[in-house]
């Protein structure tokens, strides 16, 4: 614990709202230390799994067991443990866990001989270590999300509440100008020939073709396409409506973007829904709830990417209203999708 907070009474609260922000700031300050700790734990567990692997094979060879069978049984055990992370629902995970136990017992039998007791301990520790490694990955993802979310909220608090509509011949050109002014990644990408399509016809994984008013994309890197390392690329979708979009319109747009993103193998980073309102017009309660609670989710190479639909309302006074307001963090990588 930070020494500054160690001597404080955690029960004493004067201003609840300010206390929440102070608490979030304190956690954010500790995030680098927590990340280092998680990195050390993951390295230690990874080294232990590697050592455990060789010990099991060695004990099977020395104690009169079957080292080849022990080696081959690692394949289904590791595959099933990875599968437990990929599936959702308690029943499929329970089935996979039972299969892990079955193959782990077969591995213990393959060790056999005088080192059977050691085989039981080592195989159990291997399975437990693998599960711990996956839990550490989930914990790291949570802190990455928290740190990103905290930076974005800080920027929202510091940002100018009034966003003016830039010059442009139509709503699509104006929102692209706004993106170029606020996102370094999008600004640099728009200068690349062929990166921007106005309008765009995209074919989804289902074979259906969808129409968008603008589409900006950066393809994934070679490393991401081959071994899931490097940058996954990102895409910006723009869709304009003549009237206030309904919840059904937004649901259809969400499905279209998910389908098109799966076909292109590029996750969405921004989704702009354009509408020019008259007077104090606004969207329905159902559409507002959809915008603030739903998100496009695309699963690519084992990672799930989430991106909110952002309604950009052009007002008569020359300003934008955003529902919800999506701001990029002040710290890089700005504008790029992050696995959820």
C-alpha atoms as a PDB file:
ATOM      1  CA  UNK A   1       0.000   0.000   0.000  1.00  0.00           C
ATOM      2  CA  UNK A   2       1.089   3.568  -0.688  1.00  0.00           C
ATOM      3  CA  UNK A   3       2.560   5.134   2.471  1.00  0.00           C
ATOM      4  CA  UNK A   4       0.413   8.203   1.921  1.00  0.00           C
ATOM      5  CA  UNK A   5      -2.749   6.132   2.372  1.00  0.00           C
ATOM      6  CA  UNK A   6      -1.482   3.651   4.952  1.00  0.00           C
ATOM      7  CA  UNK A   7      -2.111   6.042   7.839  1.00  0.00           C
ATOM      8  CA  UNK A   8      -5.559   7.158   6.710  1.00  0.00           C
ATOM      9  CA  UNK A   9      -8.905   5.870   7.940  1.00  0.00           C
ATOM     10  CA  UNK A  10     -10.552   4.267   4.892  1.00  0.00           C
ATOM     11  CA  UNK A  11     -13.994   4.798   6.463  1.00  0.00           C
ATOM     12  CA  UNK A  12     -13.721   8.602   6.571  1.00  0.00           C
ATOM     13  CA  UNK A  13     -15.502  10.215   3.582  1.00  0.00           C
ATOM     14  CA  UNK A  14     -16.255  13.917   3.184  1.00  0.00           C
ATOM     15  CA  UNK A  15     -17.228  14.311  -0.487  1.00  0.00           C
ATOM     16  CA  UNK A  16     -18.269  10.959  -2.060  1.00  0.00           C
ATOM     17  CA  UNK A  17     -17.855  12.087  -5.685  1.00  0.00           C
ATOM     18  CA  UNK A  18     -14.430  13.628  -5.113  1.00  0.00           C
ATOM     19  CA  UNK A  19     -13.434  10.576  -3.060  1.00  0.00           C
ATOM     20  CA  UNK A  20     -14.312   8.260  -5.958  1.00  0.00           C
ATOM     21  CA  UNK A  21     -12.107  10.225  -8.346  1.00  0.00           C
ATOM     22  CA  UNK A  22      -9.290  10.353  -5.785  1.00  0.00           C
ATOM     23  CA  UNK A  23      -9.570   6.598  -5.287  1.00  0.00           C
ATOM     24  CA  UNK A  24      -9.430   6.013  -9.051  1.00  0.00           C
ATOM     25  CA  UNK A  25      -6.350   8.255  -9.282  1.00  0.00           C
ATOM     26  CA  UNK A  26      -4.682   6.309  -6.474  1.00  0.00           C
ATOM     27  CA  UNK A  27      -5.349   2.974  -8.183  1.00  0.00           C
ATOM     28  CA  UNK A  28      -4.085   4.366 -11.490  1.00  0.00           C
ATOM     29  CA  UNK A  29      -0.841   5.471  -9.811  1.00  0.00           C
ATOM     30  CA  UNK A  30      -0.375   1.912  -8.513  1.00  0.00           C
ATOM     31  CA  UNK A  31      -1.135   0.310 -11.884  1.00  0.00           C
ATOM     32  CA  UNK A  32       2.505   0.282 -13.160  1.00  0.00           C
ATOM     33  CA  UNK A  33       3.618  -1.463  -9.956  1.00  0.00           C
ATOM     34  CA  UNK A  34       0.810  -4.011 -10.273  1.00  0.00           C
ATOM     35  CA  UNK A  35       1.697  -4.622 -13.913  1.00  0.00           C
ATOM     36  CA  UNK A  36       5.314  -5.323 -12.975  1.00  0.00           C
ATOM     37  CA  UNK A  37       4.194  -7.724 -10.269  1.00  0.00           C
ATOM     38  CA  UNK A  38       1.918  -9.555 -12.704  1.00  0.00           C
ATOM     39  CA  UNK A  39       4.756  -9.738 -15.234  1.00  0.00           C
ATOM     40  CA  UNK A  40       7.081 -11.286 -12.640  1.00  0.00           C
ATOM     41  CA  UNK A  41       4.419 -13.810 -11.631  1.00  0.00           C
ATOM     42  CA  UNK A  42       3.753 -14.775 -15.246  1.00  0.00           C
ATOM     43  CA  UNK A  43       7.469 -15.234 -15.948  1.00  0.00           C
ATOM     44  CA  UNK A  44       7.891 -17.348 -12.805  1.00  0.00           C
ATOM     45  CA  UNK A  45       4.877 -19.543 -13.585  1.00  0.00           C
ATOM     46  CA  UNK A  46       5.928 -19.911 -17.233  1.00  0.00           C
ATOM     47  CA  UNK A  47       9.407 -21.058 -16.200  1.00  0.00           C
ATOM     48  CA  UNK A  48       7.868 -23.456 -13.706  1.00  0.00           C
ATOM     49  CA  UNK A  49       5.596 -24.947 -16.394  1.00  0.00           C
ATOM     50  CA  UNK A  50       8.597 -25.467 -18.656  1.00  0.00           C
ATOM     51  CA  UNK A  51      10.572 -27.101 -15.835  1.00  0.00           C
ATOM     52  CA  UNK A  52       7.549 -29.195 -14.842  1.00  0.00           C
ATOM     53  CA  UNK A  53       7.222 -30.416 -18.433  1.00  0.00           C
ATOM     54  CA  UNK A  54      10.810 -31.690 -18.531  1.00  0.00           C
ATOM     55  CA  UNK A  55      10.563 -33.191 -15.025  1.00  0.00           C
ATOM     56  CA  UNK A  56       7.501 -35.238 -15.976  1.00  0.00           C
ATOM     57  CA  UNK A  57       9.202 -36.554 -19.122  1.00  0.00           C
ATOM     58  CA  UNK A  58      12.404 -37.287 -17.191  1.00  0.00           C
ATOM     59  CA  UNK A  59      10.593 -39.128 -14.383  1.00  0.00           C
ATOM     60  CA  UNK A  60       8.708 -41.228 -16.922  1.00  0.00           C
ATOM     61  CA  UNK A  61      11.995 -42.191 -18.586  1.00  0.00           C
ATOM     62  CA  UNK A  62      13.931 -42.854 -15.368  1.00  0.00           C
ATOM     63  CA  UNK A  63      11.174 -44.610 -13.432  1.00  0.00           C
ATOM     64  CA  UNK A  64      10.269 -47.133 -16.099  1.00  0.00           C
ATOM     65  CA  UNK A  65       7.191 -45.316 -17.405  1.00  0.00           C
ATOM     66  CA  UNK A  66       6.347 -44.305 -20.956  1.00  0.00           C
ATOM     67  CA  UNK A  67       7.981 -40.928 -21.757  1.00  0.00           C
ATOM     68  CA  UNK A  68       6.580 -40.851 -25.309  1.00  0.00           C
ATOM     69  CA  UNK A  69       3.013 -41.243 -24.027  1.00  0.00           C
ATOM     70  CA  UNK A  70       3.642 -38.612 -21.354  1.00  0.00           C
ATOM     71  CA  UNK A  71       4.908 -36.218 -24.011  1.00  0.00           C
ATOM     72  CA  UNK A  72       1.955 -36.845 -26.343  1.00  0.00           C
ATOM     73  CA  UNK A  73      -0.576 -36.430 -23.528  1.00  0.00           C
ATOM     74  CA  UNK A  74       0.612 -32.854 -23.017  1.00  0.00           C
ATOM     75  CA  UNK A  75      -1.021 -31.968 -26.347  1.00  0.00           C
ATOM     76  CA  UNK A  76      -4.668 -32.724 -25.354  1.00  0.00           C
ATOM     77  CA  UNK A  77      -4.152 -31.379 -21.822  1.00  0.00           C
ATOM     78  CA  UNK A  78      -2.847 -28.007 -23.046  1.00  0.00           C
ATOM     79  CA  UNK A  79      -5.410 -27.897 -25.875  1.00  0.00           C
ATOM     80  CA  UNK A  80      -8.299 -28.518 -23.486  1.00  0.00           C
ATOM     81  CA  UNK A  81      -7.001 -25.937 -21.003  1.00  0.00           C
ATOM     82  CA  UNK A  82      -6.833 -23.373 -23.810  1.00  0.00           C
ATOM     83  CA  UNK A  83     -10.306 -24.434 -24.933  1.00  0.00           C
ATOM     84  CA  UNK A  84     -11.700 -23.690 -21.476  1.00  0.00           C
ATOM     85  CA  UNK A  85     -10.735 -20.066 -22.016  1.00  0.00           C
ATOM     86  CA  UNK A  86     -12.368 -19.874 -25.425  1.00  0.00           C
ATOM     87  CA  UNK A  87     -15.768 -21.366 -24.594  1.00  0.00           C
ATOM     88  CA  UNK A  88     -18.539 -19.626 -22.669  1.00  0.00           C
ATOM     89  CA  UNK A  89     -21.040 -21.220 -20.327  1.00  0.00           C
ATOM     90  CA  UNK A  90     -20.601 -23.407 -17.272  1.00  0.00           C
ATOM     91  CA  UNK A  91     -21.571 -26.716 -18.896  1.00  0.00           C
ATOM     92  CA  UNK A  92     -19.001 -26.667 -21.756  1.00  0.00           C
ATOM     93  CA  UNK A  93     -16.273 -25.546 -19.354  1.00  0.00           C
ATOM     94  CA  UNK A  94     -17.182 -28.349 -16.939  1.00  0.00           C
ATOM     95  CA  UNK A  95     -17.024 -30.909 -19.755  1.00  0.00           C
ATOM     96  CA  UNK A  96     -13.586 -29.661 -20.801  1.00  0.00           C
ATOM     97  CA  UNK A  97     -12.384 -29.717 -17.184  1.00  0.00           C
ATOM     98  CA  UNK A  98     -13.485 -33.344 -16.832  1.00  0.00           C
ATOM     99  CA  UNK A  99     -11.565 -34.206 -20.006  1.00  0.00           C
ATOM    100  CA  UNK A 100      -8.499 -32.404 -18.630  1.00  0.00           C
ATOM    101  CA  UNK A 101      -8.703 -34.527 -15.481  1.00  0.00           C
ATOM    102  CA  UNK A 102      -9.036 -37.713 -17.559  1.00  0.00           C
ATOM    103  CA  UNK A 103      -5.975 -36.947 -19.702  1.00  0.00           C
ATOM    104  CA  UNK A 104      -4.038 -35.754 -16.639  1.00  0.00           C
ATOM    105  CA  UNK A 105      -4.689 -39.108 -14.956  1.00  0.00           C
ATOM    106  CA  UNK A 106      -3.484 -40.905 -18.076  1.00  0.00           C
ATOM    107  CA  UNK A 107      -0.331 -38.774 -17.921  1.00  0.00           C
ATOM    108  CA  UNK A 108       0.178 -39.812 -14.292  1.00  0.00           C
ATOM    109  CA  UNK A 109      -0.186 -43.459 -15.294  1.00  0.00           C
ATOM    110  CA  UNK A 110       2.373 -42.936 -18.080  1.00  0.00           C
ATOM    111  CA  UNK A 111       4.878 -41.734 -15.464  1.00  0.00           C
ATOM    112  CA  UNK A 112       4.229 -44.866 -13.405  1.00  0.00           C
ATOM    113  CA  UNK A 113       6.901 -46.849 -11.662  1.00  0.00           C
ATOM    114  CA  UNK A 114       8.653 -45.730  -8.520  1.00  0.00           C
ATOM    115  CA  UNK A 115       7.963 -42.044  -9.208  1.00  0.00           C
ATOM    116  CA  UNK A 116       4.167 -42.342  -9.353  1.00  0.00           C
ATOM    117  CA  UNK A 117       3.663 -40.094  -6.307  1.00  0.00           C
ATOM    118  CA  UNK A 118       5.938 -37.435  -7.793  1.00  0.00           C
ATOM    119  CA  UNK A 119       4.027 -37.757 -11.064  1.00  0.00           C
ATOM    120  CA  UNK A 120       0.739 -37.020  -9.309  1.00  0.00           C
ATOM    121  CA  UNK A 121       2.198 -33.893  -7.714  1.00  0.00           C
ATOM    122  CA  UNK A 122       3.913 -32.621 -10.877  1.00  0.00           C
ATOM    123  CA  UNK A 123       0.915 -33.174 -13.162  1.00  0.00           C
ATOM    124  CA  UNK A 124      -1.419 -31.488 -10.662  1.00  0.00           C
ATOM    125  CA  UNK A 125       0.977 -28.544 -10.370  1.00  0.00           C
ATOM    126  CA  UNK A 126       1.217 -28.292 -14.160  1.00  0.00           C
ATOM    127  CA  UNK A 127      -2.562 -28.029 -14.545  1.00  0.00           C
ATOM    128  CA  UNK A 128      -2.797 -25.601 -11.619  1.00  0.00           C
ATOM    129  CA  UNK A 129       0.069 -23.477 -12.986  1.00  0.00           C
ATOM    130  CA  UNK A 130      -1.565 -23.269 -16.401  1.00  0.00           C
ATOM    131  CA  UNK A 131      -4.844 -22.130 -14.828  1.00  0.00           C
ATOM    132  CA  UNK A 132      -2.968 -19.530 -12.738  1.00  0.00           C
ATOM    133  CA  UNK A 133      -1.257 -18.257 -15.890  1.00  0.00           C
ATOM    134  CA  UNK A 134      -4.628 -17.750 -17.574  1.00  0.00           C
ATOM    135  CA  UNK A 135      -6.001 -15.981 -14.478  1.00  0.00           C
ATOM    136  CA  UNK A 136      -2.986 -13.653 -14.514  1.00  0.00           C
ATOM    137  CA  UNK A 137      -3.777 -12.849 -18.136  1.00  0.00           C
ATOM    138  CA  UNK A 138      -7.361 -11.954 -17.198  1.00  0.00           C
ATOM    139  CA  UNK A 139      -6.131  -9.787 -14.336  1.00  0.00           C
ATOM    140  CA  UNK A 140      -3.674  -7.971 -16.600  1.00  0.00           C
ATOM    141  CA  UNK A 141      -6.471  -7.344 -19.130  1.00  0.00           C
ATOM    142  CA  UNK A 142      -8.603  -5.856 -16.355  1.00  0.00           C
ATOM    143  CA  UNK A 143      -5.878  -3.431 -15.275  1.00  0.00           C
ATOM    144  CA  UNK A 144      -5.190  -2.493 -18.906  1.00  0.00           C
ATOM    145  CA  UNK A 145      -8.896  -1.715 -19.310  1.00  0.00           C
ATOM    146  CA  UNK A 146      -8.983   0.229 -16.039  1.00  0.00           C
ATOM    147  CA  UNK A 147      -5.946   2.328 -16.975  1.00  0.00           C
ATOM    148  CA  UNK A 148      -7.350   3.099 -20.428  1.00  0.00           C
ATOM    149  CA  UNK A 149     -10.783   3.903 -19.007  1.00  0.00           C
ATOM    150  CA  UNK A 150      -9.283   6.165 -16.347  1.00  0.00           C
ATOM    151  CA  UNK A 151      -7.259   8.151 -18.899  1.00  0.00           C
ATOM    152  CA  UNK A 152     -10.312   8.583 -21.117  1.00  0.00           C
ATOM    153  CA  UNK A 153     -12.484   9.776 -18.209  1.00  0.00           C
ATOM    154  CA  UNK A 154      -9.772  12.232 -17.193  1.00  0.00           C
ATOM    155  CA  UNK A 155      -9.664  13.587 -20.727  1.00  0.00           C
ATOM    156  CA  UNK A 156     -13.453  13.934 -20.807  1.00  0.00           C
ATOM    157  CA  UNK A 157     -13.290  15.979 -17.595  1.00  0.00           C
ATOM    158  CA  UNK A 158     -10.595  18.212 -19.078  1.00  0.00           C
ATOM    159  CA  UNK A 159     -12.026  18.492 -22.605  1.00  0.00           C
ATOM    160  CA  UNK A 160     -13.938  21.473 -23.950  1.00  0.00           C
ATOM    161  CA  UNK A 161     -17.650  20.636 -23.515  1.00  0.00           C
ATOM    162  CA  UNK A 162     -18.486  22.406 -26.796  1.00  0.00           C
ATOM    163  CA  UNK A 163     -17.367  20.668 -30.021  1.00  0.00           C
ATOM    164  CA  UNK A 164     -17.786  22.782 -33.149  1.00  0.00           C
ATOM    165  CA  UNK A 165     -18.629  21.293 -36.534  1.00  0.00           C
ATOM    166  CA  UNK A 166     -15.743  21.908 -38.981  1.00  0.00           C
ATOM    167  CA  UNK A 167     -16.166  23.145 -42.538  1.00  0.00           C
ATOM    168  CA  UNK A 168     -17.119  20.635 -45.227  1.00  0.00           C
ATOM    169  CA  UNK A 169     -19.417  20.107 -48.177  1.00  0.00           C
ATOM    170  CA  UNK A 170     -21.497  17.442 -46.386  1.00  0.00           C
ATOM    171  CA  UNK A 171     -21.866  15.711 -43.026  1.00  0.00           C
ATOM    172  CA  UNK A 172     -19.459  12.915 -43.982  1.00  0.00           C
ATOM    173  CA  UNK A 173     -16.641  15.287 -44.962  1.00  0.00           C
ATOM    174  CA  UNK A 174     -17.219  17.315 -41.815  1.00  0.00           C
ATOM    175  CA  UNK A 175     -17.002  14.324 -39.464  1.00  0.00           C
ATOM    176  CA  UNK A 176     -13.871  13.075 -41.244  1.00  0.00           C
ATOM    177  CA  UNK A 177     -12.316  16.510 -40.769  1.00  0.00           C
ATOM    178  CA  UNK A 178     -13.224  16.335 -37.083  1.00  0.00           C
ATOM    179  CA  UNK A 179     -11.625  12.888 -36.785  1.00  0.00           C
ATOM    180  CA  UNK A 180      -8.472  14.061 -38.553  1.00  0.00           C
ATOM    181  CA  UNK A 181      -8.219  16.990 -36.135  1.00  0.00           C
ATOM    182  CA  UNK A 182      -8.676  14.855 -33.012  1.00  0.00           C
ATOM    183  CA  UNK A 183      -6.987  11.545 -33.899  1.00  0.00           C
ATOM    184  CA  UNK A 184      -3.329  11.386 -35.010  1.00  0.00           C
ATOM    185  CA  UNK A 185      -3.800   7.815 -36.246  1.00  0.00           C
ATOM    186  CA  UNK A 186      -6.786   8.671 -38.428  1.00  0.00           C
ATOM    187  CA  UNK A 187      -5.107  11.836 -39.713  1.00  0.00           C
ATOM    188  CA  UNK A 188      -2.030   9.901 -40.780  1.00  0.00           C
ATOM    189  CA  UNK A 189      -4.088   7.097 -42.290  1.00  0.00           C
ATOM    190  CA  UNK A 190      -6.249   9.445 -44.363  1.00  0.00           C
ATOM    191  CA  UNK A 191      -3.097  10.631 -46.137  1.00  0.00           C
ATOM    192  CA  UNK A 192      -2.395   7.075 -47.370  1.00  0.00           C
ATOM    193  CA  UNK A 193      -3.728   6.435 -50.901  1.00  0.00           C
ATOM    194  CA  UNK A 194      -6.539   3.895 -50.919  1.00  0.00           C
ATOM    195  CA  UNK A 195      -7.098   3.958 -47.164  1.00  0.00           C
ATOM    196  CA  UNK A 196     -10.336   5.979 -47.406  1.00  0.00           C
ATOM    197  CA  UNK A 197     -13.423   4.921 -49.351  1.00  0.00           C
ATOM    198  CA  UNK A 198     -16.304   7.435 -49.791  1.00  0.00           C
ATOM    199  CA  UNK A 199     -18.811   5.785 -50.100  1.00  0.00           C
ATOM    200  CA  UNK A 200     -17.993   2.138 -49.443  1.00  0.00           C
ATOM    201  CA  UNK A 201     -19.638  -1.176 -50.295  1.00  0.00           C
ATOM    202  CA  UNK A 202     -18.384  -3.949 -48.006  1.00  0.00           C
ATOM    203  CA  UNK A 203     -19.152  -7.646 -48.251  1.00  0.00           C
ATOM    204  CA  UNK A 204     -19.580  -9.449 -44.956  1.00  0.00           C
ATOM    205  CA  UNK A 205     -18.613 -12.950 -43.946  1.00  0.00           C
ATOM    206  CA  UNK A 206     -22.194 -14.059 -44.598  1.00  0.00           C
ATOM    207  CA  UNK A 207     -21.952 -12.876 -48.212  1.00  0.00           C
ATOM    208  CA  UNK A 208     -24.267  -9.890 -47.722  1.00  0.00           C
ATOM    209  CA  UNK A 209     -23.168  -6.478 -49.034  1.00  0.00           C
ATOM    210  CA  UNK A 210     -23.464  -3.378 -46.844  1.00  0.00           C
ATOM    211  CA  UNK A 211     -23.335   0.297 -47.749  1.00  0.00           C
ATOM    212  CA  UNK A 212     -21.438   2.867 -45.678  1.00  0.00           C
ATOM    213  CA  UNK A 213     -20.944   6.571 -46.303  1.00  0.00           C
ATOM    214  CA  UNK A 214     -17.235   6.334 -45.469  1.00  0.00           C
ATOM    215  CA  UNK A 215     -14.773   3.622 -44.544  1.00  0.00           C
ATOM    216  CA  UNK A 216     -11.215   4.208 -43.342  1.00  0.00           C
ATOM    217  CA  UNK A 217      -8.981   1.210 -42.701  1.00  0.00           C
ATOM    218  CA  UNK A 218      -5.485   0.208 -41.754  1.00  0.00           C
ATOM    219  CA  UNK A 219      -4.763  -3.481 -42.450  1.00  0.00           C
ATOM    220  CA  UNK A 220      -3.306  -5.717 -39.781  1.00  0.00           C
ATOM    221  CA  UNK A 221       0.439  -6.234 -39.623  1.00  0.00           C
ATOM    222  CA  UNK A 222       2.056  -9.408 -40.946  1.00  0.00           C
ATOM    223  CA  UNK A 223       2.923 -10.540 -37.411  1.00  0.00           C
ATOM    224  CA  UNK A 224      -0.694 -10.178 -36.302  1.00  0.00           C
ATOM    225  CA  UNK A 225      -1.927 -12.204 -39.280  1.00  0.00           C
ATOM    226  CA  UNK A 226       0.547 -15.002 -38.594  1.00  0.00           C
ATOM    227  CA  UNK A 227       1.194 -15.232 -34.845  1.00  0.00           C
ATOM    228  CA  UNK A 228      -1.259 -12.685 -33.320  1.00  0.00           C
ATOM    229  CA  UNK A 229       1.546 -10.274 -32.428  1.00  0.00           C
ATOM    230  CA  UNK A 230       1.946  -6.696 -33.586  1.00  0.00           C
ATOM    231  CA  UNK A 231      -0.935  -4.395 -34.526  1.00  0.00           C
ATOM    232  CA  UNK A 232      -4.345  -5.806 -35.514  1.00  0.00           C
ATOM    233  CA  UNK A 233      -5.076  -2.760 -37.673  1.00  0.00           C
ATOM    234  CA  UNK A 234      -8.208  -0.673 -37.247  1.00  0.00           C
ATOM    235  CA  UNK A 235     -11.182   0.625 -39.191  1.00  0.00           C
ATOM    236  CA  UNK A 236     -13.495   3.641 -39.000  1.00  0.00           C
ATOM    237  CA  UNK A 237     -17.098   3.308 -40.174  1.00  0.00           C
ATOM    238  CA  UNK A 238     -19.327   6.285 -41.003  1.00  0.00           C
ATOM    239  CA  UNK A 239     -23.068   5.970 -41.634  1.00  0.00           C
ATOM    240  CA  UNK A 240     -25.390   8.963 -42.151  1.00  0.00           C
ATOM    241  CA  UNK A 241     -29.146   9.032 -41.521  1.00  0.00           C
ATOM    242  CA  UNK A 242     -31.685  11.535 -42.848  1.00  0.00           C
ATOM    243  CA  UNK A 243     -33.788  11.209 -39.701  1.00  0.00           C
ATOM    244  CA  UNK A 244     -33.192  10.186 -36.126  1.00  0.00           C
ATOM    245  CA  UNK A 245     -31.948   6.576 -36.137  1.00  0.00           C
ATOM    246  CA  UNK A 246     -34.156   4.135 -34.283  1.00  0.00           C
ATOM    247  CA  UNK A 247     -33.033   1.260 -32.096  1.00  0.00           C
ATOM    248  CA  UNK A 248     -33.782  -1.107 -34.990  1.00  0.00           C
ATOM    249  CA  UNK A 249     -31.585   0.984 -37.308  1.00  0.00           C
ATOM    250  CA  UNK A 250     -28.748   0.793 -34.801  1.00  0.00           C
ATOM    251  CA  UNK A 251     -29.158  -2.956 -34.311  1.00  0.00           C
ATOM    252  CA  UNK A 252     -28.989  -3.488 -38.079  1.00  0.00           C
ATOM    253  CA  UNK A 253     -25.898  -1.258 -38.303  1.00  0.00           C
ATOM    254  CA  UNK A 254     -24.236  -3.161 -35.451  1.00  0.00           C
ATOM    255  CA  UNK A 255     -24.848  -6.493 -37.194  1.00  0.00           C
ATOM    256  CA  UNK A 256     -23.563  -5.114 -40.515  1.00  0.00           C
ATOM    257  CA  UNK A 257     -20.317  -3.824 -38.989  1.00  0.00           C
ATOM    258  CA  UNK A 258     -19.697  -7.073 -37.119  1.00  0.00           C
ATOM    259  CA  UNK A 259     -20.235  -9.068 -40.319  1.00  0.00           C
ATOM    260  CA  UNK A 260     -18.052  -6.761 -42.444  1.00  0.00           C
ATOM    261  CA  UNK A 261     -15.291  -6.678 -39.814  1.00  0.00           C
ATOM    262  CA  UNK A 262     -15.176 -10.466 -39.623  1.00  0.00           C
ATOM    263  CA  UNK A 263     -14.809 -10.641 -43.401  1.00  0.00           C
ATOM    264  CA  UNK A 264     -12.080  -7.978 -43.528  1.00  0.00           C
ATOM    265  CA  UNK A 265     -10.347  -9.368 -40.388  1.00  0.00           C
ATOM    266  CA  UNK A 266      -9.922  -5.776 -39.148  1.00  0.00           C
ATOM    267  CA  UNK A 267     -11.463  -4.616 -35.835  1.00  0.00           C
ATOM    268  CA  UNK A 268     -13.471  -1.358 -35.717  1.00  0.00           C
ATOM    269  CA  UNK A 269     -11.936   1.548 -33.797  1.00  0.00           C
ATOM    270  CA  UNK A 270     -14.617   4.216 -34.341  1.00  0.00           C
ATOM    271  CA  UNK A 271     -18.207   3.948 -35.561  1.00  0.00           C
ATOM    272  CA  UNK A 272     -19.795   7.313 -36.369  1.00  0.00           C
ATOM    273  CA  UNK A 273     -23.559   7.533 -36.857  1.00  0.00           C
ATOM    274  CA  UNK A 274     -24.426  10.923 -38.375  1.00  0.00           C
ATOM    275  CA  UNK A 275     -27.696  12.826 -38.116  1.00  0.00           C
ATOM    276  CA  UNK A 276     -28.522  16.503 -38.576  1.00  0.00           C
ATOM    277  CA  UNK A 277     -31.198  17.484 -36.058  1.00  0.00           C
ATOM    278  CA  UNK A 278     -33.601  20.378 -36.215  1.00  0.00           C
ATOM    279  CA  UNK A 279     -34.126  22.418 -33.089  1.00  0.00           C
ATOM    280  CA  UNK A 280     -34.110  20.274 -29.960  1.00  0.00           C
ATOM    281  CA  UNK A 281     -34.808  16.981 -31.712  1.00  0.00           C
ATOM    282  CA  UNK A 282     -33.299  13.900 -30.108  1.00  0.00           C
ATOM    283  CA  UNK A 283     -33.363  10.136 -30.440  1.00  0.00           C
ATOM    284  CA  UNK A 284     -35.906   7.875 -28.773  1.00  0.00           C
ATOM    285  CA  UNK A 285     -35.324   6.384 -25.335  1.00  0.00           C
ATOM    286  CA  UNK A 286     -34.753   2.923 -26.859  1.00  0.00           C
ATOM    287  CA  UNK A 287     -32.134   4.267 -29.273  1.00  0.00           C
ATOM    288  CA  UNK A 288     -30.415   6.185 -26.459  1.00  0.00           C
ATOM    289  CA  UNK A 289     -30.269   3.062 -24.302  1.00  0.00           C
ATOM    290  CA  UNK A 290     -28.837   1.053 -27.202  1.00  0.00           C
ATOM    291  CA  UNK A 291     -26.138   3.661 -27.855  1.00  0.00           C
ATOM    292  CA  UNK A 292     -25.046   3.847 -24.226  1.00  0.00           C
ATOM    293  CA  UNK A 293     -25.193   0.140 -23.358  1.00  0.00           C
ATOM    294  CA  UNK A 294     -24.467  -1.841 -26.527  1.00  0.00           C
ATOM    295  CA  UNK A 295     -21.251  -2.166 -28.522  1.00  0.00           C
ATOM    296  CA  UNK A 296     -20.002  -3.878 -31.641  1.00  0.00           C
ATOM    297  CA  UNK A 297     -18.011  -6.963 -30.668  1.00  0.00           C
ATOM    298  CA  UNK A 298     -15.673  -8.705 -33.081  1.00  0.00           C
ATOM    299  CA  UNK A 299     -13.594 -11.766 -32.225  1.00  0.00           C
ATOM    300  CA  UNK A 300     -10.394 -12.062 -34.259  1.00  0.00           C
ATOM    301  CA  UNK A 301      -7.570 -14.537 -33.645  1.00  0.00           C
ATOM    302  CA  UNK A 302      -8.709 -15.271 -30.097  1.00  0.00           C
ATOM    303  CA  UNK A 303      -9.144 -11.619 -29.047  1.00  0.00           C
ATOM    304  CA  UNK A 304     -12.472  -9.813 -28.676  1.00  0.00           C
ATOM    305  CA  UNK A 305     -12.596  -6.158 -29.749  1.00  0.00           C
ATOM    306  CA  UNK A 306     -15.411  -3.867 -28.575  1.00  0.00           C
ATOM    307  CA  UNK A 307     -16.380  -0.540 -30.134  1.00  0.00           C
ATOM    308  CA  UNK A 308     -19.355   1.673 -29.279  1.00  0.00           C
ATOM    309  CA  UNK A 309     -21.673   3.170 -31.857  1.00  0.00           C
ATOM    310  CA  UNK A 310     -21.223   6.931 -31.521  1.00  0.00           C
ATOM    311  CA  UNK A 311     -24.111   9.142 -32.618  1.00  0.00           C
ATOM    312  CA  UNK A 312     -22.839  12.521 -33.864  1.00  0.00           C
ATOM    313  CA  UNK A 313     -25.736  14.985 -33.935  1.00  0.00           C
ATOM    314  CA  UNK A 314     -25.199  18.212 -35.867  1.00  0.00           C
ATOM    315  CA  UNK A 315     -27.092  21.044 -34.175  1.00  0.00           C
ATOM    316  CA  UNK A 316     -28.363  24.247 -35.779  1.00  0.00           C
ATOM    317  CA  UNK A 317     -25.848  26.286 -33.761  1.00  0.00           C
ATOM    318  CA  UNK A 318     -22.913  24.574 -35.503  1.00  0.00           C
ATOM    319  CA  UNK A 319     -21.958  22.191 -32.694  1.00  0.00           C
ATOM    320  CA  UNK A 320     -21.866  18.436 -32.257  1.00  0.00           C
ATOM    321  CA  UNK A 321     -23.678  16.395 -29.639  1.00  0.00           C
ATOM    322  CA  UNK A 322     -22.135  12.949 -29.188  1.00  0.00           C
ATOM    323  CA  UNK A 323     -24.014   9.980 -27.695  1.00  0.00           C
ATOM    324  CA  UNK A 324     -21.883   8.555 -26.164  1.00  0.00           C
ATOM    325  CA  UNK A 325     -18.797  10.744 -26.217  1.00  0.00           C
ATOM    326  CA  UNK A 326     -15.839   8.632 -27.370  1.00  0.00           C
ATOM    327  CA  UNK A 327     -12.464  10.195 -26.676  1.00  0.00           C
ATOM    328  CA  UNK A 328      -9.078   8.675 -27.266  1.00  0.00           C
ATOM    329  CA  UNK A 329      -6.672   8.529 -24.307  1.00  0.00           C
ATOM    330  CA  UNK A 330      -3.993  11.174 -24.069  1.00  0.00           C
ATOM    331  CA  UNK A 331      -1.383   8.390 -24.011  1.00  0.00           C
ATOM    332  CA  UNK A 332      -0.657   6.268 -27.095  1.00  0.00           C
ATOM    333  CA  UNK A 333      -1.745   4.069 -28.715  1.00  0.00           C
ATOM    334  CA  UNK A 334      -4.505   6.511 -29.612  1.00  0.00           C
ATOM    335  CA  UNK A 335      -7.367   5.468 -31.799  1.00  0.00           C
ATOM    336  CA  UNK A 336      -6.401   1.822 -31.990  1.00  0.00           C
ATOM    337  CA  UNK A 337      -8.782  -0.904 -30.867  1.00  0.00           C
ATOM    338  CA  UNK A 338      -7.917  -2.720 -27.683  1.00  0.00           C
ATOM    339  CA  UNK A 339      -9.087  -6.286 -26.863  1.00  0.00           C
ATOM    340  CA  UNK A 340     -11.755  -6.325 -24.186  1.00  0.00           C
END
